[in-house]
Every structure is written in C-alpha cells, then in structure tokens.
Amino acid sequence: MGWKQKVSGGLLAGIGFMLSPLSWWNDLVVNLPLALAFAWVVSFGHKPLFEPALVVGYWLTNVLGLVLMHKGTRKIVSEQARKYTWQNLVMDLGISLAYTGLILLLLKFGILKPLKSYFHTE
C-alpha cells in the first residue's frame, strides 16, 4: 500500500469525521451551520421551505460525512478497495435519523428559524 493511498484515505476520513455526527462539537460547529445556511438559501424565496430544507441539509451533511469517513478508513487499512454496501448506507442513515430528531426539537421550540425571523418580528 502506497503512502498516497494512506494520505488520500486520511484526508477523506478527516473530512468525513468533520461532517459526521460522531461527536457533539463537530455536529454543532460544522453540520448545523452548513444545514442552516442551506435552509436559509432555500427558504429565501419561499419561507415555508425552511424547516424541510434544514432537515434535508442536515441529513446531507451527516450522510456525506459518514460515507466519506467509511471510504477513507477503508482506504487506509485495506490493501484493496472494497465497495460501500447497502448495509453500510442503512447504518449511516440510521445514525443520521437519530440526530434529525434533535434538529426537529430545536425547530419545534423555535431555537432554529429562518434568518429574517431573528431580526424582524412578524
């Protein structure tokens, strides 16, 4: 196994970890801000899309993070590349589903809302 494979696998795994929901701090400082920015952009034209866009954006960052981490780790430890299976995807989606419940609670209690709502009262 060459050093290029190890370095590229390490980079993939590192980026994946930063996007994955595996620790509270990266979820709080990376995934949620990315999902919130995504929701702000989507809801700019149509405010009712904010909540679904926040959930979709959050899911996208989490699933992408788990997939990248999985692929990067396999690239580091395996002599030959292995496929990302449906079982791996189902596991990654299950983890993201649990974290989505937390996001829905933050929406329900009004902690997360469209950007304009922080500055204007309607």
Protein backbone atom coordinates (compact mmCIF):
# COMPACT_ATOMS: atom_id res chain seq x y z
CA MET A 1 0.00 0.00 0.00
CA GLY A 2 1.45 3.32 -1.03
CA TRP A 3 1.71 6.48 1.01
CA LYS A 4 -0.55 8.29 -1.48
CA GLN A 5 -3.38 5.88 -0.71
CA LYS A 6 -2.87 6.37 3.02
CA VAL A 7 -2.78 10.18 2.73
CA SER A 8 -5.84 10.37 0.49
CA GLY A 9 -7.68 7.93 2.76
CA GLY A 10 -6.71 10.02 5.78
CA LEU A 11 -7.98 13.20 4.13
CA LEU A 12 -11.27 11.53 3.20
CA ALA A 13 -11.68 10.13 6.70
CA GLY A 14 -10.81 13.50 8.28
CA ILE A 15 -13.31 15.41 6.16
CA GLY A 16 -15.84 12.66 6.78
CA PHE A 17 -15.33 12.90 10.53
CA MET A 18 -15.83 16.67 10.41
CA LEU A 19 -19.18 16.13 8.68
CA SER A 20 -20.24 13.02 10.62
CA PRO A 21 -22.44 13.12 13.72
CA LEU A 22 -19.94 11.17 15.81
CA SER A 23 -19.06 13.90 18.27
CA TRP A 24 -21.12 16.76 19.63
CA TRP A 25 -18.70 19.55 18.77
CA ASN A 26 -18.32 18.88 15.06
CA ASP A 27 -22.05 18.44 14.73
CA LEU A 28 -22.60 21.75 16.47
CA VAL A 29 -19.92 23.78 14.68
CA VAL A 30 -19.92 22.15 11.23
CA ASN A 31 -23.10 20.26 10.30
CA LEU A 32 -25.69 22.51 11.86
CA PRO A 33 -24.25 25.75 10.42
CA LEU A 34 -23.99 24.13 6.97
CA ALA A 35 -27.57 22.86 7.20
CA LEU A 36 -28.78 26.23 8.48
CA ALA A 37 -27.04 28.07 5.62
CA PHE A 38 -28.60 25.61 3.17
CA ALA A 39 -32.05 26.19 4.70
CA TRP A 40 -31.61 29.99 4.59
CA VAL A 41 -30.74 29.86 0.90
CA VAL A 42 -33.62 27.50 0.07
CA SER A 43 -36.17 29.44 2.15
CA PHE A 44 -35.10 32.86 0.89
CA GLY A 45 -37.60 32.60 -1.93
CA HIS A 46 -40.25 30.61 -0.06
CA LYS A 47 -40.20 30.81 3.75
CA PRO A 48 -42.26 27.62 4.42
CA LEU A 49 -39.42 25.55 2.93
CA PHE A 50 -37.10 26.48 5.82
CA GLU A 51 -37.84 23.53 8.11
CA PRO A 52 -37.75 20.80 5.46
CA ALA A 53 -34.61 22.34 3.95
CA LEU A 54 -32.90 22.39 7.36
CA VAL A 55 -33.64 18.71 7.88
CA VAL A 56 -32.56 17.78 4.34
CA GLY A 57 -29.38 19.86 4.63
CA TYR A 58 -28.56 18.28 7.98
CA TRP A 59 -29.13 14.80 6.60
CA LEU A 60 -26.97 15.51 3.59
CA THR A 61 -24.02 16.65 5.72
CA ASN A 62 -24.32 13.70 8.10
CA VAL A 63 -24.70 11.03 5.47
CA LEU A 64 -21.92 12.52 3.34
CA GLY A 65 -19.67 12.62 6.41
CA LEU A 66 -20.33 9.02 7.34
CA VAL A 67 -19.81 7.83 3.77
CA LEU A 68 -16.53 9.77 3.41
CA MET A 69 -15.27 8.54 6.78
CA HIS A 70 -16.12 4.95 5.90
CA LYS A 71 -14.43 5.16 2.48
CA GLY A 72 -11.37 6.95 3.85
CA THR A 73 -10.88 4.47 6.67
CA ARG A 74 -11.19 1.54 4.33
CA LYS A 75 -8.67 3.15 2.00
CA ILE A 76 -6.18 3.46 4.87
CA VAL A 77 -6.50 -0.05 6.33
CA SER A 78 -7.29 -2.16 3.30
CA GLU A 79 -4.88 -3.39 0.67
CA GLN A 80 -7.66 -3.42 -1.90
CA ALA A 81 -10.63 -1.11 -2.31
CA ARG A 82 -13.95 -2.56 -1.12
CA LYS A 83 -17.39 -1.43 -2.14
CA TYR A 84 -19.65 0.69 0.02
CA THR A 85 -22.60 -1.66 0.60
CA TRP A 86 -26.31 -1.06 1.15
CA GLN A 87 -25.83 -2.27 4.73
CA ASN A 88 -23.26 0.47 5.31
CA LEU A 89 -25.66 3.05 3.89
CA VAL A 90 -28.56 1.83 6.07
CA MET A 91 -26.38 2.08 9.18
CA ASP A 92 -25.26 5.61 8.24
CA LEU A 93 -28.86 6.67 7.59
CA GLY A 94 -29.98 5.29 10.97
CA ILE A 95 -27.40 7.36 12.80
CA SER A 96 -28.46 10.44 10.89
CA LEU A 97 -32.11 9.76 11.70
CA ALA A 98 -31.38 9.88 15.43
CA TYR A 99 -29.68 13.25 15.10
CA THR A 100 -32.52 14.52 12.93
CA GLY A 101 -34.84 14.05 15.91
CA LEU A 102 -32.73 16.56 17.83
CA ILE A 103 -32.93 19.07 14.97
CA LEU A 104 -36.71 18.71 14.88
CA LEU A 105 -36.86 19.51 18.60
CA LEU A 106 -34.77 22.64 18.05
CA LEU A 107 -37.19 23.69 15.31
CA LYS A 108 -40.25 22.95 17.44
CA PHE A 109 -39.01 25.15 20.28
CA GLY A 110 -38.11 28.00 17.92
CA ILE A 111 -34.38 27.89 18.56
CA LEU A 112 -33.72 27.43 14.84
CA LYS A 113 -35.71 29.58 12.43
CA PRO A 114 -35.35 31.46 9.13
CA LEU A 115 -32.68 34.16 9.15
CA LYS A 116 -35.15 37.02 8.70
CA SER A 117 -37.08 35.86 11.77
CA TYR A 118 -34.10 36.59 14.02
CA PHE A 119 -34.20 40.26 13.02
CA HIS A 120 -37.83 41.00 12.24
CA THR A 121 -40.97 40.28 14.17
CA GLU A 122 -43.99 39.40 12.14
